[in-house]
C-alpha atoms as a PDB file:
ATOM      1  CA  MET A   1      53.848  29.452  21.059  1.00  0.00           C
ATOM      2  CA  SER A   2      51.962  26.170  21.936  1.00  0.00           C
ATOM      3  CA  ALA A   3      48.225  25.927  22.009  1.00  0.00           C
ATOM      4  CA  VAL A   4      47.773  22.898  24.392  1.00  0.00           C
ATOM      5  CA  PRO A   5      44.211  22.701  25.574  1.00  0.00           C
ATOM      6  CA  ALA A   6      43.605  22.526  29.341  1.00  0.00           C
ATOM      7  CA  LEU A   7      42.653  19.085  30.573  1.00  0.00           C
ATOM      8  CA  LYS A   8      39.018  18.906  31.818  1.00  0.00           C
ATOM      9  CA  GLN A   9      38.797  17.250  35.232  1.00  0.00           C
ATOM     10  CA  ILE A  10      35.731  15.212  35.858  1.00  0.00           C
ATOM     11  CA  SER A  11      34.154  13.760  38.943  1.00  0.00           C
ATOM     12  CA  ILE A  12      34.131  10.129  39.897  1.00  0.00           C
ATOM     13  CA  ALA A  13      30.382   9.968  39.489  1.00  0.00           C
ATOM     14  CA  GLU A  14      30.656  11.401  35.956  1.00  0.00           C
ATOM     15  CA  TYR A  15      33.421   8.847  35.098  1.00  0.00           C
ATOM     16  CA  LEU A  16      31.391   5.943  36.363  1.00  0.00           C
ATOM     17  CA  SER A  17      28.320   7.099  34.411  1.00  0.00           C
ATOM     18  CA  ARG A  18      30.281   7.402  31.196  1.00  0.00           C
ATOM     19  CA  GLU A  19      32.009   4.063  31.740  1.00  0.00           C
ATOM     20  CA  GLU A  20      28.770   2.099  31.891  1.00  0.00           C
ATOM     21  CA  ASP A  21      28.024   2.905  28.265  1.00  0.00           C
ATOM     22  CA  SER A  22      31.549   2.917  26.965  1.00  0.00           C
ATOM     23  CA  GLU A  23      32.854   0.111  24.649  1.00  0.00           C
ATOM     24  CA  VAL A  24      36.436   0.987  25.701  1.00  0.00           C
ATOM     25  CA  LYS A  25      37.531   0.647  29.259  1.00  0.00           C
ATOM     26  CA  HIS A  26      39.201   3.639  30.977  1.00  0.00           C
ATOM     27  CA  GLU A  27      41.261   4.376  34.058  1.00  0.00           C
ATOM     28  CA  TYR A  28      40.381   7.299  36.313  1.00  0.00           C
ATOM     29  CA  TYR A  29      43.277   9.094  38.018  1.00  0.00           C
ATOM     30  CA  ARG A  30      43.039  12.365  39.858  1.00  0.00           C
ATOM     31  CA  GLY A  31      40.165  13.657  37.769  1.00  0.00           C
ATOM     32  CA  GLU A  32      41.640  12.622  34.426  1.00  0.00           C
ATOM     33  CA  VAL A  33      40.459   9.667  32.286  1.00  0.00           C
ATOM     34  CA  PHE A  34      42.858   7.472  30.280  1.00  0.00           C
ATOM     35  CA  ALA A  35      41.907   4.780  27.693  1.00  0.00           C
ATOM     36  CA  MET A  36      43.209   1.405  28.800  1.00  0.00           C
ATOM     37  CA  ALA A  37      44.813  -1.112  26.352  1.00  0.00           C
ATOM     38  CA  GLY A  38      42.543  -3.931  25.510  1.00  0.00           C
ATOM     39  CA  GLY A  39      43.469  -7.398  26.595  1.00  0.00           C
ATOM     40  CA  THR A  40      43.598 -10.352  24.177  1.00  0.00           C
ATOM     41  CA  ILE A  41      43.097 -14.035  24.647  1.00  0.00           C
ATOM     42  CA  ALA A  42      46.819 -14.595  23.977  1.00  0.00           C
ATOM     43  CA  HIS A  43      47.706 -11.999  26.637  1.00  0.00           C
ATOM     44  CA  ASN A  44      45.404 -13.662  29.183  1.00  0.00           C
ATOM     45  CA  GLN A  45      46.961 -17.025  28.498  1.00  0.00           C
ATOM     46  CA  VAL A  46      50.501 -15.702  29.044  1.00  0.00           C
ATOM     47  CA  VAL A  47      49.387 -14.076  32.262  1.00  0.00           C
ATOM     48  CA  SER A  48      47.666 -17.352  33.485  1.00  0.00           C
ATOM     49  CA  ASN A  49      50.632 -19.506  32.545  1.00  0.00           C
ATOM     50  CA  THR A  50      53.095 -17.105  34.319  1.00  0.00           C
ATOM     51  CA  ILE A  51      50.929 -17.147  37.574  1.00  0.00           C
ATOM     52  CA  GLY A  52      50.739 -20.923  37.437  1.00  0.00           C
ATOM     53  CA  GLU A  53      54.433 -21.299  37.021  1.00  0.00           C
ATOM     54  CA  LEU A  54      55.121 -18.870  39.923  1.00  0.00           C
ATOM     55  CA  HIS A  55      52.731 -20.804  42.057  1.00  0.00           C
ATOM     56  CA  ASN A  56      54.333 -24.090  41.305  1.00  0.00           C
ATOM     57  CA  PHE A  57      57.756 -22.733  41.936  1.00  0.00           C
ATOM     58  CA  LEU A  58      56.829 -21.191  45.275  1.00  0.00           C
ATOM     59  CA  LYS A  59      54.951 -24.244  46.329  1.00  0.00           C
ATOM     60  CA  ALA A  60      57.990 -26.386  45.717  1.00  0.00           C
ATOM     61  CA  LYS A  61      59.932 -24.018  47.988  1.00  0.00           C
ATOM     62  CA  ASN A  62      57.322 -24.212  50.719  1.00  0.00           C
ATOM     63  CA  ALA A  63      56.668 -20.473  50.232  1.00  0.00           C
ATOM     64  CA  ARG A  64      53.232 -18.892  50.571  1.00  0.00           C
ATOM     65  CA  PHE A  65      51.610 -17.608  47.333  1.00  0.00           C
ATOM     66  CA  SER A  66      49.109 -14.863  47.837  1.00  0.00           C
ATOM     67  CA  PRO A  67      48.651 -12.645  44.726  1.00  0.00           C
ATOM     68  CA  MET A  68      45.860 -10.578  46.422  1.00  0.00           C
ATOM     69  CA  THR A  69      46.449  -9.706  50.028  1.00  0.00           C
END
């Protein structure tokens, strides 16, 4: 027999209120809150370099690059 506790659903307002004071960032999905992995400077550099290379590649192909549409 398993004793798995029921997950407590919270409102968006409660999530936002808690997130203001939290040192750890969280994701809210359908009433549940999940801790997000922290980003590092090295991770951000990899992402920036990847986006830059993709931009240059697409620009050379005369393609449009629009990461946020």
